[in-house]
Amino acid sequence: MAFTKSSTAILAMVLIAALVMTDVANASSFIAWSGPGCNFRPVQYRNCGCSNINEHGGYTFTYNGQSAAMYNTVNCQGVSHTRFSSSVSSCSAFGWKSMFIQCRK
């Protein structure tokens, strides 16, 4: 079976997409519950960059190589309050309003 330039390019794009999806699947993640505690309506955040947090009952951060900075303001404004570089969880209410997951480029 002969490969044309376009089929080789498509194969390369598929392989790159698979690598990116694997990297995202292994990314660090933050789960926040509406509460009280680690109960009701869990929301998972795993995107690189800034995400606003809407639930504040409890949390679990699962570290998979990407650290996270937690902010007491929306849109990751100002100085971060807390930084996670390992897995951690708490079922107590928290006040962070946004987080920034630092992904490698």
N, C-alpha and C. Protein backbone atom coordinates (compact mmCIF):
# COMPACT_ATOMS: atom_id res chain seq x y z
N MET A 1 0.85 -1.17 0.00
CA MET A 1 0.00 0.00 0.00
C MET A 1 0.89 1.24 0.00
N ALA A 2 0.70 2.10 -0.95
CA ALA A 2 1.51 3.31 -1.07
C ALA A 2 0.85 4.46 -0.31
N PHE A 3 1.69 5.25 0.34
CA PHE A 3 1.20 6.42 1.06
C PHE A 3 1.46 7.65 0.21
N THR A 4 0.47 8.50 0.12
CA THR A 4 0.64 9.78 -0.55
C THR A 4 1.05 10.80 0.49
N LYS A 5 1.44 11.98 0.05
CA LYS A 5 1.81 13.04 0.99
C LYS A 5 0.64 13.39 1.90
N SER A 6 -0.57 13.44 1.33
CA SER A 6 -1.73 13.82 2.15
C SER A 6 -2.07 12.73 3.17
N SER A 7 -1.96 11.46 2.80
CA SER A 7 -2.26 10.41 3.77
C SER A 7 -1.20 10.35 4.86
N THR A 8 0.05 10.65 4.52
CA THR A 8 1.12 10.71 5.52
C THR A 8 0.87 11.88 6.47
N ALA A 9 0.44 13.01 5.94
CA ALA A 9 0.15 14.17 6.78
C ALA A 9 -1.02 13.88 7.71
N ILE A 10 -2.04 13.21 7.21
CA ILE A 10 -3.20 12.86 8.04
C ILE A 10 -2.78 11.90 9.14
N LEU A 11 -1.96 10.92 8.81
CA LEU A 11 -1.47 9.97 9.82
C LEU A 11 -0.67 10.70 10.89
N ALA A 12 0.17 11.65 10.49
CA ALA A 12 0.95 12.42 11.45
C ALA A 12 0.04 13.23 12.36
N MET A 13 -1.00 13.85 11.81
CA MET A 13 -1.94 14.63 12.64
C MET A 13 -2.68 13.73 13.62
N VAL A 14 -3.07 12.54 13.20
CA VAL A 14 -3.75 11.61 14.09
C VAL A 14 -2.84 11.20 15.24
N LEU A 15 -1.57 10.93 14.94
CA LEU A 15 -0.62 10.55 15.98
C LEU A 15 -0.38 11.69 16.96
N ILE A 16 -0.27 12.91 16.46
CA ILE A 16 -0.10 14.08 17.33
C ILE A 16 -1.33 14.27 18.21
N ALA A 17 -2.51 14.14 17.63
CA ALA A 17 -3.75 14.28 18.41
C ALA A 17 -3.81 13.21 19.50
N ALA A 18 -3.39 12.00 19.20
CA ALA A 18 -3.40 10.93 20.20
C ALA A 18 -2.45 11.25 21.34
N LEU A 19 -1.28 11.80 21.02
CA LEU A 19 -0.33 12.17 22.06
C LEU A 19 -0.87 13.29 22.93
N VAL A 20 -1.51 14.28 22.32
CA VAL A 20 -2.10 15.39 23.08
C VAL A 20 -3.21 14.88 23.98
N MET A 21 -4.07 14.00 23.46
CA MET A 21 -5.16 13.47 24.27
C MET A 21 -4.63 12.64 25.42
N THR A 22 -3.55 11.90 25.22
CA THR A 22 -2.95 11.13 26.29
C THR A 22 -2.41 12.06 27.36
N ASP A 23 -1.76 13.16 26.94
CA ASP A 23 -1.24 14.12 27.89
C ASP A 23 -2.36 14.75 28.70
N VAL A 24 -3.49 15.10 28.06
CA VAL A 24 -4.64 15.67 28.77
C VAL A 24 -5.23 14.66 29.73
N ALA A 25 -5.30 13.40 29.31
CA ALA A 25 -5.87 12.36 30.17
C ALA A 25 -5.03 12.17 31.42
N ASN A 26 -3.74 12.48 31.36
CA ASN A 26 -2.86 12.33 32.51
C ASN A 26 -2.61 13.64 33.23
N ALA A 27 -3.33 14.69 32.88
CA ALA A 27 -3.12 16.00 33.49
C ALA A 27 -3.59 16.01 34.94
N SER A 28 -3.02 16.92 35.71
CA SER A 28 -3.49 17.12 37.08
C SER A 28 -4.93 17.59 37.03
N SER A 29 -5.67 17.34 38.11
CA SER A 29 -7.08 17.74 38.13
C SER A 29 -7.48 18.21 39.52
N PHE A 30 -8.49 19.06 39.55
CA PHE A 30 -9.05 19.60 40.78
C PHE A 30 -10.54 19.31 40.76
N ILE A 31 -11.05 18.66 41.79
CA ILE A 31 -12.49 18.41 41.92
C ILE A 31 -12.99 19.23 43.10
N ALA A 32 -14.03 20.01 42.87
CA ALA A 32 -14.67 20.81 43.93
C ALA A 32 -16.10 20.34 44.09
N TRP A 33 -16.55 20.19 45.34
CA TRP A 33 -17.93 19.79 45.64
C TRP A 33 -18.71 20.98 46.16
N SER A 34 -20.02 20.94 45.93
CA SER A 34 -20.86 22.04 46.42
C SER A 34 -21.05 21.97 47.93
N GLY A 35 -20.91 20.77 48.50
CA GLY A 35 -20.97 20.63 49.96
C GLY A 35 -22.37 20.46 50.48
N PRO A 36 -22.49 20.30 51.79
CA PRO A 36 -21.38 20.45 52.73
C PRO A 36 -20.34 19.35 52.57
N GLY A 37 -19.09 19.73 52.80
CA GLY A 37 -17.99 18.78 52.67
C GLY A 37 -17.83 18.29 51.24
N CYS A 38 -17.33 17.08 51.11
CA CYS A 38 -17.10 16.47 49.79
C CYS A 38 -18.34 15.72 49.33
N ASN A 39 -19.45 16.42 49.30
CA ASN A 39 -20.74 15.85 48.91
C ASN A 39 -21.42 16.77 47.91
N PHE A 40 -22.24 16.17 47.09
CA PHE A 40 -23.13 16.88 46.16
C PHE A 40 -22.38 17.64 45.07
N ARG A 41 -22.82 17.45 43.88
CA ARG A 41 -22.39 18.17 42.69
C ARG A 41 -20.87 18.35 42.55
N PRO A 42 -20.12 17.29 42.32
CA PRO A 42 -18.69 17.47 42.07
C PRO A 42 -18.45 18.07 40.68
N VAL A 43 -17.53 19.00 40.60
CA VAL A 43 -17.15 19.61 39.33
C VAL A 43 -15.64 19.42 39.17
N GLN A 44 -15.24 18.87 38.02
CA GLN A 44 -13.82 18.62 37.79
C GLN A 44 -13.23 19.68 36.88
N TYR A 45 -12.05 20.17 37.28
CA TYR A 45 -11.29 21.15 36.50
C TYR A 45 -9.97 20.51 36.13
N ARG A 46 -9.63 20.49 34.84
CA ARG A 46 -8.36 19.91 34.42
C ARG A 46 -7.73 20.66 33.25
N ASN A 47 -8.33 21.78 32.86
CA ASN A 47 -7.78 22.57 31.76
C ASN A 47 -6.53 23.31 32.19
N CYS A 48 -5.58 23.41 31.28
CA CYS A 48 -4.40 24.23 31.52
C CYS A 48 -4.82 25.69 31.56
N GLY A 49 -4.15 26.48 32.38
CA GLY A 49 -4.47 27.89 32.48
C GLY A 49 -5.46 28.16 33.60
N CYS A 50 -6.16 29.29 33.49
CA CYS A 50 -7.05 29.76 34.56
C CYS A 50 -8.47 29.21 34.41
N SER A 51 -9.04 28.79 35.53
CA SER A 51 -10.45 28.36 35.60
C SER A 51 -11.07 28.97 36.84
N ASN A 52 -12.27 29.52 36.71
CA ASN A 52 -13.00 30.00 37.87
C ASN A 52 -13.68 28.81 38.56
N ILE A 53 -13.71 28.84 39.89
CA ILE A 53 -14.26 27.74 40.69
C ILE A 53 -15.62 28.17 41.22
N ASN A 54 -16.65 27.36 40.95
CA ASN A 54 -18.01 27.72 41.35
C ASN A 54 -18.52 26.96 42.57
N GLU A 55 -17.89 25.86 42.93
CA GLU A 55 -18.31 25.07 44.09
C GLU A 55 -17.23 25.20 45.16
N HIS A 56 -17.64 25.26 46.45
CA HIS A 56 -16.67 25.54 47.51
C HIS A 56 -16.85 24.70 48.77
N GLY A 57 -17.46 23.51 48.65
CA GLY A 57 -17.71 22.69 49.84
C GLY A 57 -16.52 21.88 50.30
N GLY A 58 -15.76 21.35 49.39
CA GLY A 58 -14.57 20.54 49.67
C GLY A 58 -13.85 20.34 48.36
N TYR A 59 -12.63 19.78 48.41
CA TYR A 59 -11.87 19.63 47.17
C TYR A 59 -10.91 18.45 47.24
N THR A 60 -10.50 18.02 46.06
CA THR A 60 -9.42 17.06 45.88
C THR A 60 -8.58 17.52 44.70
N PHE A 61 -7.28 17.67 44.93
CA PHE A 61 -6.36 17.97 43.84
C PHE A 61 -5.51 16.73 43.62
N THR A 62 -5.52 16.22 42.39
CA THR A 62 -4.72 15.05 42.03
C THR A 62 -3.56 15.52 41.16
N TYR A 63 -2.36 15.41 41.71
CA TYR A 63 -1.15 15.88 41.02
C TYR A 63 -0.64 14.81 40.06
N ASN A 64 -0.49 15.19 38.80
CA ASN A 64 0.07 14.31 37.78
C ASN A 64 1.15 15.04 36.99
N GLY A 65 1.90 15.91 37.66
CA GLY A 65 3.00 16.61 37.00
C GLY A 65 2.76 18.08 36.74
N GLN A 66 1.51 18.55 36.86
CA GLN A 66 1.20 19.96 36.64
C GLN A 66 0.78 20.57 37.97
N SER A 67 1.50 21.61 38.40
CA SER A 67 1.15 22.27 39.66
C SER A 67 -0.04 23.19 39.44
N ALA A 68 -0.65 23.61 40.55
CA ALA A 68 -1.80 24.52 40.48
C ALA A 68 -1.63 25.64 41.49
N ALA A 69 -1.99 26.83 41.09
CA ALA A 69 -1.99 27.99 41.97
C ALA A 69 -3.44 28.38 42.23
N MET A 70 -3.80 28.58 43.49
CA MET A 70 -5.17 28.90 43.89
C MET A 70 -5.26 30.39 44.23
N TYR A 71 -6.33 31.03 43.76
CA TYR A 71 -6.53 32.47 43.94
C TYR A 71 -7.82 32.75 44.70
N ASN A 72 -7.79 33.78 45.53
CA ASN A 72 -8.99 34.21 46.25
C ASN A 72 -9.84 35.15 45.41
N THR A 73 -9.44 35.39 44.17
CA THR A 73 -10.15 36.27 43.25
C THR A 73 -10.53 35.49 41.99
N VAL A 74 -11.51 35.97 41.25
CA VAL A 74 -11.86 35.34 39.97
C VAL A 74 -10.79 35.68 38.93
N ASN A 75 -10.73 34.89 37.89
CA ASN A 75 -9.84 35.11 36.75
C ASN A 75 -8.35 35.14 37.11
N CYS A 76 -7.98 34.49 38.22
CA CYS A 76 -6.57 34.36 38.62
C CYS A 76 -5.87 35.71 38.73
N GLN A 77 -6.57 36.70 39.25
CA GLN A 77 -6.02 38.04 39.39
C GLN A 77 -5.23 38.16 40.69
N GLY A 78 -4.15 38.96 40.65
CA GLY A 78 -3.37 39.21 41.85
C GLY A 78 -2.38 38.08 42.14
N VAL A 79 -2.06 37.94 43.42
CA VAL A 79 -1.08 36.95 43.87
C VAL A 79 -1.81 35.69 44.31
N SER A 80 -1.26 34.54 43.95
CA SER A 80 -1.91 33.28 44.36
C SER A 80 -1.84 33.12 45.87
N HIS A 81 -2.85 32.48 46.43
CA HIS A 81 -2.95 32.26 47.87
C HIS A 81 -2.26 30.96 48.28
N THR A 82 -2.43 29.93 47.48
CA THR A 82 -1.91 28.59 47.78
C THR A 82 -1.42 27.96 46.49
N ARG A 83 -0.39 27.12 46.61
CA ARG A 83 0.12 26.39 45.44
C ARG A 83 0.18 24.91 45.78
N PHE A 84 -0.32 24.08 44.85
CA PHE A 84 -0.28 22.63 45.01
C PHE A 84 0.77 22.05 44.06
N SER A 85 1.70 21.27 44.62
CA SER A 85 2.67 20.54 43.79
C SER A 85 2.71 19.07 44.20
N SER A 86 1.63 18.66 44.87
CA SER A 86 1.43 17.25 45.22
C SER A 86 -0.08 17.06 45.42
N SER A 87 -0.51 15.82 45.48
CA SER A 87 -1.94 15.54 45.66
C SER A 87 -2.36 15.92 47.08
N VAL A 88 -3.56 16.49 47.20
CA VAL A 88 -4.07 16.94 48.49
C VAL A 88 -5.59 17.00 48.43
N SER A 89 -6.25 16.87 49.57
CA SER A 89 -7.71 17.00 49.60
C SER A 89 -8.15 17.50 50.96
N SER A 90 -9.33 18.09 50.98
CA SER A 90 -9.95 18.55 52.22
C SER A 90 -11.46 18.59 52.01
N CYS A 91 -12.19 18.15 53.00
CA CYS A 91 -13.65 18.20 52.92
C CYS A 91 -14.21 19.36 53.73
N SER A 92 -13.40 20.40 53.92
CA SER A 92 -13.84 21.63 54.56
C SER A 92 -14.06 22.68 53.48
N ALA A 93 -14.94 23.62 53.77
CA ALA A 93 -15.22 24.70 52.82
C ALA A 93 -13.94 25.51 52.57
N PHE A 94 -13.81 26.06 51.38
CA PHE A 94 -12.64 26.87 51.02
C PHE A 94 -13.09 28.11 50.27
N GLY A 95 -12.23 29.12 50.22
CA GLY A 95 -12.61 30.39 49.62
C GLY A 95 -11.99 30.70 48.27
N TRP A 96 -11.18 29.80 47.71
CA TRP A 96 -10.56 30.09 46.42
C TRP A 96 -11.63 30.27 45.35
N LYS A 97 -11.46 31.27 44.53
CA LYS A 97 -12.44 31.56 43.49
C LYS A 97 -11.94 31.20 42.09
N SER A 98 -10.63 30.96 41.97
CA SER A 98 -10.08 30.54 40.68
C SER A 98 -8.78 29.78 40.90
N MET A 99 -8.36 29.08 39.84
CA MET A 99 -7.11 28.31 39.91
C MET A 99 -6.43 28.34 38.56
N PHE A 100 -5.11 28.19 38.59
CA PHE A 100 -4.32 28.17 37.36
C PHE A 100 -3.49 26.90 37.35
N ILE A 101 -3.77 26.01 36.40
CA ILE A 101 -2.98 24.79 36.25
C ILE A 101 -1.86 25.08 35.25
N GLN A 102 -0.64 24.92 35.72
CA GLN A 102 0.54 25.20 34.90
C GLN A 102 0.93 23.95 34.12
N CYS A 103 0.67 23.95 32.82
CA CYS A 103 1.01 22.81 31.97
C CYS A 103 2.29 23.10 31.21
N ARG A 104 3.02 22.06 30.93
CA ARG A 104 4.26 22.18 30.16
C ARG A 104 3.93 22.44 28.70
N LYS A 105 4.73 23.22 28.07
CA LYS A 105 4.54 23.53 26.65
C LYS A 105 5.59 22.84 25.84
